[in-house]
């Protein structure tokens, strides 16, 4: 299931290029990178996303026990490599209940991570200060992450990997302890694990919620 292109900031459907504009436009945010949401995943959809992306498609791997990949989003001109990606995953939260995780890789100014994080600007900017509060491993290296203020229903961490923003947004907020468990991220452009599990579409795949 692929949805109509939406805004990376608010998740609303956007106007395609036409007579009056050569760009995709959002009524609230102006010119934006269109986001294509793939809610129902299988190996073929992920393989297509891997070929279409110019930035990483991060997933936790090895996967935490009983977790599944539950959505994929690609942002950017459909005729060019994607400038941002988001991969959703769902599974048991460390403190009980279920948790939702969205991992975003994006170029500066795209605004996709900000859309999931419920921030007003497209980038974290001056919000990164002091010592990092968490970390993940990417490409064999420790990647520090900083916690950002956001809504009470989620927690947001952001850092930099491969010269791009790396966002981790989790629901509920208490699920943020998952990042204290030495989480390792795999870029699906390198390879797609044969035993990768797919689950029902994540309710948090559309940004701006």
N, C-alpha and C. Protein backbone atom coordinates (compact mmCIF):
# COMPACT_ATOMS: atom_id res chain seq x y z
N UNK A 1 0.84 -1.18 0.00
CA UNK A 1 0.00 0.00 0.00
C UNK A 1 0.88 1.24 0.00
N UNK A 2 0.76 2.06 -1.07
CA UNK A 2 1.51 3.30 -1.18
C UNK A 2 0.54 4.47 -1.17
N UNK A 3 0.74 5.41 -0.28
CA UNK A 3 -0.16 6.55 -0.15
C UNK A 3 0.27 7.69 -1.08
N UNK A 4 -0.66 8.64 -1.30
CA UNK A 4 -0.34 9.83 -2.09
C UNK A 4 0.77 10.61 -1.41
N UNK A 5 1.64 11.29 -2.19
CA UNK A 5 2.74 12.05 -1.58
C UNK A 5 2.22 13.06 -0.56
N UNK A 6 2.95 13.18 0.54
CA UNK A 6 2.55 14.09 1.61
C UNK A 6 3.73 14.97 2.02
N UNK A 7 3.42 15.96 2.86
CA UNK A 7 4.43 16.90 3.35
C UNK A 7 5.28 16.25 4.44
N UNK A 8 6.60 16.41 4.41
CA UNK A 8 7.45 15.83 5.45
C UNK A 8 7.24 16.49 6.82
N UNK A 9 6.71 17.69 6.84
CA UNK A 9 6.56 18.44 8.08
C UNK A 9 5.23 18.16 8.79
N UNK A 10 4.13 18.13 7.99
CA UNK A 10 2.81 18.00 8.61
C UNK A 10 2.05 16.75 8.18
N UNK A 11 2.52 16.04 7.15
CA UNK A 11 1.87 14.81 6.72
C UNK A 11 0.65 15.00 5.84
N UNK A 12 0.29 16.24 5.51
CA UNK A 12 -0.87 16.48 4.66
C UNK A 12 -0.50 16.27 3.19
N UNK A 13 -1.50 15.89 2.39
CA UNK A 13 -1.25 15.71 0.96
C UNK A 13 -0.83 17.04 0.33
N UNK A 14 0.01 16.97 -0.68
CA UNK A 14 0.60 18.18 -1.27
C UNK A 14 0.28 18.26 -2.75
N UNK A 15 0.47 19.47 -3.30
CA UNK A 15 0.20 19.73 -4.71
C UNK A 15 1.42 19.38 -5.56
N UNK A 16 1.22 18.62 -6.64
CA UNK A 16 2.35 18.27 -7.51
C UNK A 16 2.74 19.46 -8.38
N UNK A 17 3.90 19.39 -9.03
CA UNK A 17 4.28 20.44 -9.97
C UNK A 17 3.21 20.62 -11.05
N UNK A 18 3.04 21.87 -11.50
CA UNK A 18 2.04 22.15 -12.52
C UNK A 18 2.35 23.41 -13.27
N UNK A 19 1.32 24.04 -13.77
CA UNK A 19 1.49 25.25 -14.59
C UNK A 19 2.11 26.39 -13.78
N UNK A 20 1.71 26.51 -12.53
CA UNK A 20 2.13 27.65 -11.72
C UNK A 20 3.36 27.37 -10.85
N UNK A 21 3.80 26.14 -10.78
CA UNK A 21 4.96 25.83 -9.93
C UNK A 21 5.68 24.60 -10.47
N UNK A 22 7.00 24.60 -10.40
CA UNK A 22 7.79 23.45 -10.83
C UNK A 22 8.11 22.54 -9.65
N UNK A 23 7.59 22.87 -8.47
CA UNK A 23 7.92 22.13 -7.25
C UNK A 23 6.66 21.57 -6.59
N UNK A 24 6.87 20.58 -5.73
CA UNK A 24 5.80 20.10 -4.87
C UNK A 24 5.60 21.13 -3.76
N UNK A 25 4.33 21.43 -3.46
CA UNK A 25 4.04 22.48 -2.49
C UNK A 25 3.03 22.01 -1.45
N UNK A 26 3.29 22.41 -0.22
CA UNK A 26 2.38 22.20 0.90
C UNK A 26 1.71 23.54 1.21
N UNK A 27 0.42 23.52 1.50
CA UNK A 27 -0.28 24.75 1.80
C UNK A 27 0.26 25.46 3.03
N UNK A 28 0.83 24.70 3.97
CA UNK A 28 1.34 25.30 5.21
C UNK A 28 2.84 25.56 5.15
N UNK A 29 3.61 24.74 4.41
CA UNK A 29 5.07 24.81 4.48
C UNK A 29 5.74 25.14 3.15
N UNK A 30 4.98 25.49 2.13
CA UNK A 30 5.57 25.90 0.87
C UNK A 30 6.20 24.76 0.11
N UNK A 31 7.34 25.03 -0.53
CA UNK A 31 8.05 24.01 -1.32
C UNK A 31 8.63 22.96 -0.38
N UNK A 32 8.31 21.69 -0.63
CA UNK A 32 8.77 20.60 0.23
C UNK A 32 9.22 19.42 -0.63
N UNK A 33 9.92 18.50 0.02
CA UNK A 33 10.29 17.24 -0.61
C UNK A 33 9.13 16.27 -0.43
N UNK A 34 8.49 15.79 -1.50
CA UNK A 34 7.33 14.90 -1.34
C UNK A 34 7.74 13.59 -0.66
N UNK A 35 6.87 13.12 0.24
CA UNK A 35 7.13 11.89 0.97
C UNK A 35 6.18 10.80 0.47
N UNK A 36 6.75 9.67 0.09
CA UNK A 36 5.97 8.51 -0.35
C UNK A 36 5.98 7.47 0.77
N UNK A 37 4.80 7.13 1.23
CA UNK A 37 4.65 6.21 2.36
C UNK A 37 4.33 4.81 1.86
N UNK A 38 5.09 3.83 2.32
CA UNK A 38 4.85 2.42 2.01
C UNK A 38 4.48 1.73 3.31
N UNK A 39 3.18 1.55 3.52
CA UNK A 39 2.71 1.05 4.81
C UNK A 39 2.79 -0.47 4.90
N UNK A 40 2.60 -1.16 3.79
CA UNK A 40 2.63 -2.63 3.81
C UNK A 40 3.94 -3.10 3.19
N UNK A 41 4.79 -3.70 3.99
CA UNK A 41 6.14 -4.04 3.54
C UNK A 41 6.30 -5.52 3.23
N UNK A 42 7.19 -5.78 2.29
CA UNK A 42 7.74 -7.11 2.06
C UNK A 42 9.14 -6.89 1.49
N UNK A 43 9.83 -7.97 1.18
CA UNK A 43 11.21 -7.84 0.71
C UNK A 43 11.29 -7.06 -0.61
N UNK A 44 10.29 -7.22 -1.47
CA UNK A 44 10.31 -6.52 -2.76
C UNK A 44 10.20 -5.02 -2.58
N UNK A 45 9.30 -4.56 -1.67
CA UNK A 45 9.14 -3.13 -1.43
C UNK A 45 10.42 -2.55 -0.85
N UNK A 46 11.02 -3.26 0.09
CA UNK A 46 12.26 -2.78 0.69
C UNK A 46 13.39 -2.76 -0.33
N UNK A 47 13.43 -3.74 -1.20
CA UNK A 47 14.45 -3.78 -2.25
C UNK A 47 14.30 -2.57 -3.17
N UNK A 48 13.07 -2.22 -3.52
CA UNK A 48 12.83 -1.04 -4.35
C UNK A 48 13.30 0.22 -3.62
N UNK A 49 12.97 0.33 -2.32
CA UNK A 49 13.39 1.49 -1.54
C UNK A 49 14.90 1.60 -1.45
N UNK A 50 15.54 0.47 -1.33
CA UNK A 50 17.00 0.44 -1.26
C UNK A 50 17.63 1.00 -2.53
N UNK A 51 17.05 0.65 -3.68
CA UNK A 51 17.58 1.13 -4.96
C UNK A 51 17.28 2.61 -5.18
N UNK A 52 16.18 3.09 -4.63
CA UNK A 52 15.75 4.46 -4.88
C UNK A 52 16.36 5.48 -3.93
N UNK A 53 17.05 5.03 -2.89
CA UNK A 53 17.49 5.96 -1.85
C UNK A 53 18.93 6.40 -2.00
N UNK A 54 19.17 7.70 -1.74
CA UNK A 54 20.52 8.23 -1.70
C UNK A 54 21.05 8.39 -0.30
N UNK A 55 20.26 7.98 0.69
CA UNK A 55 20.66 8.06 2.10
C UNK A 55 20.33 6.73 2.76
N UNK A 56 20.88 6.47 3.96
CA UNK A 56 20.64 5.17 4.59
C UNK A 56 19.18 4.87 4.88
N UNK A 57 18.88 3.59 4.92
CA UNK A 57 17.61 3.09 5.46
C UNK A 57 17.97 2.33 6.73
N UNK A 58 17.89 3.01 7.86
CA UNK A 58 18.35 2.43 9.12
C UNK A 58 17.29 1.52 9.73
N UNK A 59 17.73 0.34 10.18
CA UNK A 59 16.88 -0.55 10.96
C UNK A 59 17.71 -1.11 12.11
N UNK A 60 17.06 -1.41 13.24
CA UNK A 60 17.80 -2.09 14.31
C UNK A 60 18.15 -3.51 13.86
N UNK A 61 19.44 -3.83 13.88
CA UNK A 61 19.84 -5.19 13.48
C UNK A 61 21.17 -5.56 14.13
N UNK A 62 21.23 -6.63 14.89
CA UNK A 62 20.16 -7.61 15.10
C UNK A 62 18.91 -6.97 15.71
N UNK A 63 17.77 -7.44 15.27
CA UNK A 63 16.52 -6.89 15.74
C UNK A 63 16.27 -7.25 17.19
N UNK A 64 15.76 -6.32 18.00
CA UNK A 64 15.35 -6.70 19.36
C UNK A 64 14.34 -7.84 19.29
N UNK A 65 14.28 -8.71 20.28
CA UNK A 65 13.37 -9.86 20.25
C UNK A 65 11.92 -9.46 19.97
N UNK A 66 11.31 -10.16 19.01
CA UNK A 66 9.90 -10.01 18.66
C UNK A 66 9.57 -8.68 17.99
N UNK A 67 10.58 -7.94 17.54
CA UNK A 67 10.31 -6.70 16.82
C UNK A 67 10.14 -6.99 15.34
N UNK A 68 9.39 -6.13 14.64
CA UNK A 68 9.16 -6.26 13.21
C UNK A 68 9.26 -4.90 12.55
N UNK A 69 9.62 -4.88 11.28
CA UNK A 69 9.66 -3.65 10.49
C UNK A 69 8.27 -3.40 9.94
N UNK A 70 7.76 -2.16 10.11
CA UNK A 70 6.33 -1.92 9.89
C UNK A 70 6.03 -0.73 8.98
N UNK A 71 7.00 -0.20 8.28
CA UNK A 71 6.72 0.90 7.36
C UNK A 71 7.98 1.52 6.81
N UNK A 72 7.85 2.14 5.63
CA UNK A 72 8.98 2.78 4.97
C UNK A 72 8.49 4.07 4.31
N UNK A 73 9.25 5.14 4.47
CA UNK A 73 8.93 6.41 3.81
C UNK A 73 10.17 6.91 3.08
N UNK A 74 9.98 7.44 1.88
CA UNK A 74 11.05 8.02 1.08
C UNK A 74 10.67 9.44 0.72
N UNK A 75 11.59 10.39 0.92
CA UNK A 75 11.31 11.79 0.63
C UNK A 75 12.23 12.30 -0.47
N UNK A 76 11.68 13.14 -1.35
CA UNK A 76 12.48 13.74 -2.40
C UNK A 76 11.83 13.59 -3.76
N UNK A 77 12.42 14.22 -4.74
CA UNK A 77 11.96 14.14 -6.12
C UNK A 77 11.93 12.67 -6.56
N UNK A 78 10.78 12.18 -7.00
CA UNK A 78 10.68 10.76 -7.40
C UNK A 78 11.65 10.36 -8.51
N UNK A 79 12.15 11.35 -9.27
CA UNK A 79 13.06 11.05 -10.38
C UNK A 79 14.53 11.07 -9.95
N UNK A 80 14.78 11.30 -8.67
CA UNK A 80 16.14 11.34 -8.15
C UNK A 80 16.25 10.46 -6.90
N UNK A 81 17.47 10.11 -6.48
CA UNK A 81 17.61 9.34 -5.24
C UNK A 81 17.01 10.09 -4.05
N UNK A 82 16.31 9.37 -3.20
CA UNK A 82 15.65 9.98 -2.05
C UNK A 82 16.64 10.71 -1.16
N UNK A 83 16.23 11.89 -0.69
CA UNK A 83 17.08 12.70 0.19
C UNK A 83 16.80 12.45 1.66
N UNK A 84 15.78 11.67 1.95
CA UNK A 84 15.46 11.30 3.33
C UNK A 84 14.69 9.99 3.33
N UNK A 85 14.89 9.22 4.37
CA UNK A 85 14.13 7.97 4.54
C UNK A 85 13.68 7.86 5.98
N UNK A 86 12.60 7.12 6.18
CA UNK A 86 12.15 6.76 7.53
C UNK A 86 11.74 5.30 7.51
N UNK A 87 12.20 4.56 8.49
CA UNK A 87 11.82 3.16 8.63
C UNK A 87 11.16 2.99 9.99
N UNK A 88 9.96 2.43 10.01
CA UNK A 88 9.22 2.22 11.25
C UNK A 88 9.39 0.77 11.71
N UNK A 89 9.42 0.59 13.03
CA UNK A 89 9.51 -0.73 13.62
C UNK A 89 8.63 -0.78 14.87
N UNK A 90 8.14 -1.96 15.18
CA UNK A 90 7.22 -2.14 16.30
C UNK A 90 7.62 -3.39 17.08
N UNK A 91 7.50 -3.30 18.40
CA UNK A 91 7.82 -4.47 19.22
C UNK A 91 7.61 -4.21 20.69
N UNK A 92 7.89 -5.22 21.52
CA UNK A 92 7.71 -5.06 22.96
C UNK A 92 8.63 -3.98 23.52
N UNK A 93 8.08 -3.11 24.35
CA UNK A 93 8.87 -2.07 25.00
C UNK A 93 9.63 -2.66 26.18
N UNK A 94 10.82 -2.16 26.46
CA UNK A 94 11.62 -2.70 27.57
C UNK A 94 10.91 -2.64 28.91
N UNK A 95 10.04 -1.65 29.12
CA UNK A 95 9.37 -1.49 30.40
C UNK A 95 7.94 -2.03 30.38
N UNK A 96 7.59 -2.77 29.33
CA UNK A 96 6.25 -3.33 29.23
C UNK A 96 5.42 -2.65 28.17
N UNK A 97 4.43 -3.38 27.64
CA UNK A 97 3.61 -2.84 26.57
C UNK A 97 4.33 -2.88 25.24
N UNK A 98 3.74 -2.21 24.24
CA UNK A 98 4.31 -2.17 22.92
C UNK A 98 4.92 -0.80 22.64
N UNK A 99 5.93 -0.79 21.79
CA UNK A 99 6.62 0.46 21.44
C UNK A 99 6.67 0.60 19.93
N UNK A 100 6.73 1.86 19.49
CA UNK A 100 6.89 2.19 18.08
C UNK A 100 8.16 3.02 17.94
N UNK A 101 8.95 2.70 16.92
CA UNK A 101 10.21 3.40 16.65
C UNK A 101 10.24 3.81 15.20
N UNK A 102 10.59 5.08 14.93
CA UNK A 102 10.83 5.54 13.56
C UNK A 102 12.26 6.07 13.50
N UNK A 103 13.05 5.52 12.59
CA UNK A 103 14.43 5.95 12.37
C UNK A 103 14.50 6.71 11.06
N UNK A 104 15.05 7.93 11.12
CA UNK A 104 15.10 8.80 9.95
C UNK A 104 16.55 9.13 9.62
N UNK A 105 16.88 9.04 8.35
CA UNK A 105 18.15 9.56 7.82
C UNK A 105 17.78 10.63 6.81
N UNK A 106 18.39 11.82 6.92
CA UNK A 106 18.00 12.86 5.99
C UNK A 106 19.07 13.91 5.79
N UNK A 107 19.00 14.54 4.63
CA UNK A 107 19.85 15.67 4.34
C UNK A 107 19.33 16.91 5.07
N UNK A 108 20.21 17.86 5.30
CA UNK A 108 19.87 19.09 5.99
C UNK A 108 18.69 19.78 5.31
N UNK A 109 17.72 20.22 6.10
CA UNK A 109 16.62 21.02 5.60
C UNK A 109 15.44 20.25 5.05
N UNK A 110 15.49 18.91 5.04
CA UNK A 110 14.37 18.15 4.48
C UNK A 110 13.14 18.22 5.38
N UNK A 111 13.33 18.11 6.69
CA UNK A 111 12.23 18.28 7.63
C UNK A 111 11.45 17.02 7.96
N UNK A 112 11.86 15.85 7.47
CA UNK A 112 11.11 14.63 7.76
C UNK A 112 11.24 14.22 9.24
N UNK A 113 12.46 14.24 9.75
CA UNK A 113 12.64 13.91 11.16
C UNK A 113 11.88 14.87 12.06
N UNK A 114 11.89 16.14 11.70
CA UNK A 114 11.16 17.14 12.45
C UNK A 114 9.66 16.86 12.45
N UNK A 115 9.15 16.33 11.34
CA UNK A 115 7.73 16.00 11.25
C UNK A 115 7.34 14.92 12.24
N UNK A 116 8.18 13.91 12.41
CA UNK A 116 7.90 12.87 13.40
C UNK A 116 8.13 13.38 14.82
N UNK A 117 9.10 14.27 14.97
CA UNK A 117 9.46 14.76 16.30
C UNK A 117 8.55 15.86 16.81
N UNK A 118 7.66 16.37 15.94
CA UNK A 118 6.74 17.45 16.30
C UNK A 118 7.48 18.73 16.66
N UNK A 119 8.53 19.06 15.89
CA UNK A 119 9.26 20.30 16.07
C UNK A 119 8.76 21.34 15.08
N UNK A 120 9.01 22.61 15.35
CA UNK A 120 8.51 23.67 14.49
C UNK A 120 9.41 23.93 13.28
N UNK A 121 10.72 23.73 13.41
CA UNK A 121 11.65 23.96 12.32
C UNK A 121 12.01 22.68 11.61
N UNK A 122 12.66 22.76 10.43
CA UNK A 122 13.01 21.55 9.68
C UNK A 122 14.20 20.79 10.24
N UNK A 123 15.04 21.45 11.05
CA UNK A 123 16.25 20.82 11.59
C UNK A 123 16.36 21.09 13.09
N UNK A 124 17.11 20.25 13.82
CA UNK A 124 17.25 20.47 15.27
C UNK A 124 18.05 21.71 15.62
N UNK A 125 18.97 22.13 14.72
CA UNK A 125 19.71 23.37 14.92
C UNK A 125 20.37 23.48 16.28
N UNK A 126 20.10 24.60 16.97
CA UNK A 126 20.75 24.87 18.26
C UNK A 126 20.24 24.05 19.41
N UNK A 127 19.31 23.10 19.15
CA UNK A 127 18.80 22.27 20.23
C UNK A 127 19.83 21.24 20.69
N UNK A 128 20.86 21.01 19.90
CA UNK A 128 21.90 20.04 20.28
C UNK A 128 22.95 20.76 21.12
N UNK A 129 22.98 20.45 22.39
CA UNK A 129 23.95 21.09 23.28
C UNK A 129 24.23 20.17 24.45
N UNK A 130 25.38 20.38 25.08
CA UNK A 130 25.76 19.57 26.22
C UNK A 130 26.18 18.17 25.82
N UNK A 131 26.26 17.30 26.81
CA UNK A 131 26.67 15.92 26.57
C UNK A 131 25.53 15.11 25.97
N UNK A 132 25.83 14.15 25.08
CA UNK A 132 24.76 13.30 24.51
C UNK A 132 24.14 12.44 25.61
N UNK A 133 22.86 12.11 25.42
CA UNK A 133 22.13 11.31 26.42
C UNK A 133 21.96 9.84 26.03
N UNK A 134 22.30 9.50 24.79
CA UNK A 134 22.15 8.12 24.32
C UNK A 134 23.08 7.91 23.15
N UNK A 135 23.09 6.69 22.64
CA UNK A 135 23.92 6.41 21.46
C UNK A 135 23.41 5.14 20.79
N UNK A 136 23.78 4.98 19.53
CA UNK A 136 23.56 3.75 18.78
C UNK A 136 24.86 3.44 18.06
N UNK A 137 24.93 2.26 17.46
CA UNK A 137 26.10 1.90 16.66
C UNK A 137 25.73 1.87 15.19
N UNK A 138 26.49 2.61 14.40
CA UNK A 138 26.26 2.65 12.95
C UNK A 138 27.60 2.41 12.26
N UNK A 139 27.64 1.43 11.37
CA UNK A 139 28.87 1.14 10.65
C UNK A 139 30.03 0.80 11.55
N UNK A 140 29.76 0.20 12.70
CA UNK A 140 30.81 -0.19 13.63
C UNK A 140 31.28 0.92 14.53
N UNK A 141 30.65 2.09 14.45
CA UNK A 141 31.05 3.23 15.27
C UNK A 141 29.93 3.64 16.22
N UNK A 142 30.32 4.20 17.36
CA UNK A 142 29.33 4.73 18.29
C UNK A 142 28.86 6.09 17.77
N UNK A 143 27.55 6.25 17.64
CA UNK A 143 26.96 7.50 17.18
C UNK A 143 26.20 8.13 18.34
N UNK A 144 26.69 9.25 18.89
CA UNK A 144 26.00 9.89 20.01
C UNK A 144 24.69 10.52 19.58
N UNK A 145 23.73 10.53 20.49
CA UNK A 145 22.42 11.10 20.23
C UNK A 145 22.04 12.05 21.36
N UNK A 146 21.37 13.13 20.98
CA UNK A 146 20.92 14.13 21.95
C UNK A 146 19.40 14.09 22.05
N UNK A 147 18.90 14.19 23.27
CA UNK A 147 17.46 14.23 23.51
C UNK A 147 16.92 15.63 23.22
N UNK A 148 15.78 15.70 22.55
CA UNK A 148 15.15 16.98 22.22
C UNK A 148 13.81 17.11 22.94
N UNK A 149 13.44 18.33 23.35
CA UNK A 149 12.13 18.52 23.96
C UNK A 149 11.03 18.34 22.92
N UNK A 150 9.95 17.66 23.31
CA UNK A 150 8.87 17.38 22.37
C UNK A 150 7.58 17.13 23.15
N UNK A 151 6.59 16.57 22.50
CA UNK A 151 5.32 16.26 23.15
C UNK A 151 5.49 15.14 24.18
N UNK A 152 4.57 15.08 25.12
CA UNK A 152 4.68 14.11 26.20
C UNK A 152 4.45 12.67 25.75
N UNK A 153 3.87 12.48 24.56
CA UNK A 153 3.55 11.12 24.13
C UNK A 153 4.70 10.41 23.45
N UNK A 154 5.85 11.08 23.26
CA UNK A 154 6.97 10.48 22.53
C UNK A 154 8.29 10.99 23.08
N UNK A 155 9.37 10.34 22.68
CA UNK A 155 10.70 10.88 22.97
C UNK A 155 11.48 10.94 21.66
N UNK A 156 12.40 11.90 21.59
CA UNK A 156 13.12 12.18 20.36
C UNK A 156 14.60 12.28 20.63
N UNK A 157 15.39 11.58 19.84
CA UNK A 157 16.84 11.68 19.89
C UNK A 157 17.35 11.97 18.48
N UNK A 158 18.41 12.74 18.39
CA UNK A 158 18.97 13.06 17.08
C UNK A 158 20.49 13.17 17.18
N UNK A 159 21.16 12.75 16.12
CA UNK A 159 22.61 12.85 16.03
C UNK A 159 22.99 12.93 14.56
N UNK A 160 24.22 12.57 14.27
CA UNK A 160 24.71 12.65 12.89
C UNK A 160 25.46 11.38 12.55
N UNK A 161 25.14 10.80 11.40
CA UNK A 161 25.82 9.60 10.92
C UNK A 161 26.00 9.73 9.41
N UNK A 162 27.20 9.49 8.94
CA UNK A 162 27.54 9.58 7.52
C UNK A 162 27.25 10.97 6.95
N UNK A 163 27.41 12.00 7.78
CA UNK A 163 27.20 13.35 7.33
C UNK A 163 25.74 13.75 7.18
N UNK A 164 24.82 12.95 7.74
CA UNK A 164 23.38 13.19 7.63
C UNK A 164 22.76 13.17 9.02
N UNK A 165 21.61 13.81 9.15
CA UNK A 165 20.87 13.70 10.41
C UNK A 165 20.39 12.27 10.61
N UNK A 166 20.49 11.81 11.83
CA UNK A 166 19.93 10.53 12.24
C UNK A 166 18.97 10.80 13.39
N UNK A 167 17.70 10.53 13.16
CA UNK A 167 16.66 10.73 14.18
C UNK A 167 16.15 9.38 14.67
N UNK A 168 15.85 9.31 15.96
CA UNK A 168 15.15 8.17 16.53
C UNK A 168 13.98 8.73 17.33
N UNK A 169 12.77 8.42 16.90
CA UNK A 169 11.56 8.89 17.57
C UNK A 169 10.80 7.67 18.06
N UNK A 170 10.43 7.67 19.34
CA UNK A 170 9.79 6.50 19.95
C UNK A 170 8.51 6.90 20.65
N UNK A 171 7.52 6.01 20.56
CA UNK A 171 6.27 6.12 21.28
C UNK A 171 6.07 4.84 22.07
N UNK A 172 5.60 4.90 23.33
CA UNK A 172 5.45 6.10 24.16
C UNK A 172 6.82 6.62 24.61
N UNK A 173 6.81 7.72 25.35
CA UNK A 173 8.07 8.35 25.75
C UNK A 173 8.96 7.40 26.53
N UNK A 174 8.35 6.53 27.35
CA UNK A 174 9.13 5.61 28.18
C UNK A 174 9.92 4.60 27.36
N UNK A 175 9.55 4.43 26.09
CA UNK A 175 10.25 3.47 25.24
C UNK A 175 11.64 3.94 24.88
N UNK A 176 11.98 5.17 25.23
CA UNK A 176 13.32 5.68 24.94
C UNK A 176 14.43 4.90 25.59
N UNK A 177 14.11 4.12 26.61
CA UNK A 177 15.15 3.30 27.26
C UNK A 177 15.70 2.25 26.29
N UNK A 178 15.00 2.02 25.19
CA UNK A 178 15.51 1.07 24.19
C UNK A 178 16.88 1.50 23.69
N UNK A 179 17.14 2.82 23.67
CA UNK A 179 18.41 3.33 23.17
C UNK A 179 19.53 3.20 24.20
N UNK A 180 19.21 2.70 25.36
CA UNK A 180 20.23 2.45 26.37
C UNK A 180 20.73 1.01 26.30
N UNK A 181 20.26 0.24 25.32
CA UNK A 181 20.57 -1.18 25.22
C UNK A 181 21.58 -1.48 24.12
N UNK A 182 22.46 -0.54 23.80
CA UNK A 182 23.51 -0.74 22.80
C UNK A 182 22.90 -1.19 21.47
N UNK A 183 21.92 -0.41 20.99
CA UNK A 183 21.23 -0.74 19.75
C UNK A 183 22.18 -0.56 18.57
N UNK A 184 22.20 -1.55 17.69
CA UNK A 184 23.02 -1.52 16.48
C UNK A 184 22.09 -1.29 15.28
N UNK A 185 22.46 -0.34 14.41
CA UNK A 185 21.66 -0.05 13.24
C UNK A 185 22.34 -0.55 11.98
N UNK A 186 21.55 -1.11 11.09
CA UNK A 186 22.02 -1.59 9.79
C UNK A 186 21.42 -0.71 8.70
N UNK A 187 22.23 -0.33 7.73
CA UNK A 187 21.75 0.39 6.55
C UNK A 187 21.31 -0.66 5.53
N UNK A 188 20.02 -0.70 5.23
CA UNK A 188 19.49 -1.72 4.32
C UNK A 188 20.03 -1.60 2.91
N UNK A 189 20.70 -0.49 2.59
CA UNK A 189 21.34 -0.41 1.28
C UNK A 189 22.50 -1.39 1.18
N UNK A 190 23.07 -1.79 2.31
CA UNK A 190 24.17 -2.77 2.30
C UNK A 190 23.64 -4.16 1.99
N UNK A 191 22.61 -4.56 2.70
CA UNK A 191 21.93 -5.82 2.40
C UNK A 191 20.64 -5.91 3.21
N UNK A 192 19.72 -6.74 2.73
CA UNK A 192 18.46 -6.97 3.43
C UNK A 192 18.53 -8.36 4.05
N UNK A 193 18.51 -8.44 5.38
CA UNK A 193 18.60 -9.76 6.02
C UNK A 193 17.48 -10.70 5.55
N UNK A 194 17.83 -11.92 5.28
CA UNK A 194 16.83 -12.87 4.81
C UNK A 194 15.76 -13.17 5.83
N UNK A 195 16.08 -13.07 7.12
CA UNK A 195 15.10 -13.37 8.16
C UNK A 195 14.47 -12.12 8.75
N UNK A 196 14.50 -11.02 8.01
CA UNK A 196 13.86 -9.78 8.45
C UNK A 196 12.35 -9.98 8.53
N UNK A 197 11.76 -9.58 9.66
CA UNK A 197 10.32 -9.76 9.89
C UNK A 197 9.57 -8.48 9.54
N UNK A 198 8.38 -8.64 8.93
CA UNK A 198 7.52 -7.50 8.62
C UNK A 198 6.22 -7.66 9.38
N UNK A 199 5.70 -6.53 9.87
CA UNK A 199 4.47 -6.55 10.64
C UNK A 199 3.42 -5.64 10.07
N UNK A 200 2.25 -5.55 10.73
CA UNK A 200 1.17 -4.67 10.27
C UNK A 200 1.65 -3.21 10.22
N UNK A 201 1.05 -2.40 9.34
CA UNK A 201 1.50 -1.01 9.18
C UNK A 201 1.51 -0.23 10.48
N UNK A 202 2.58 0.52 10.70
CA UNK A 202 2.70 1.35 11.88
C UNK A 202 1.72 2.52 11.80
N UNK A 203 1.01 2.83 12.90
CA UNK A 203 0.12 4.01 12.89
C UNK A 203 0.89 5.33 12.93
N UNK A 204 2.21 5.27 13.10
CA UNK A 204 3.02 6.48 13.20
C UNK A 204 3.86 6.75 11.96
N UNK A 205 3.61 6.03 10.86
CA UNK A 205 4.43 6.20 9.67
C UNK A 205 4.25 7.58 9.03
N UNK A 206 3.02 8.11 9.07
CA UNK A 206 2.78 9.42 8.48
C UNK A 206 3.30 10.51 9.42
N UNK A 207 4.19 11.41 8.96
CA UNK A 207 4.71 12.46 9.83
C UNK A 207 3.61 13.47 10.19
N UNK A 208 3.89 14.28 11.21
CA UNK A 208 2.97 15.34 11.59
C UNK A 208 1.89 14.96 12.57
N UNK A 209 1.95 13.73 13.13
CA UNK A 209 0.92 13.29 14.06
C UNK A 209 1.23 13.74 15.48
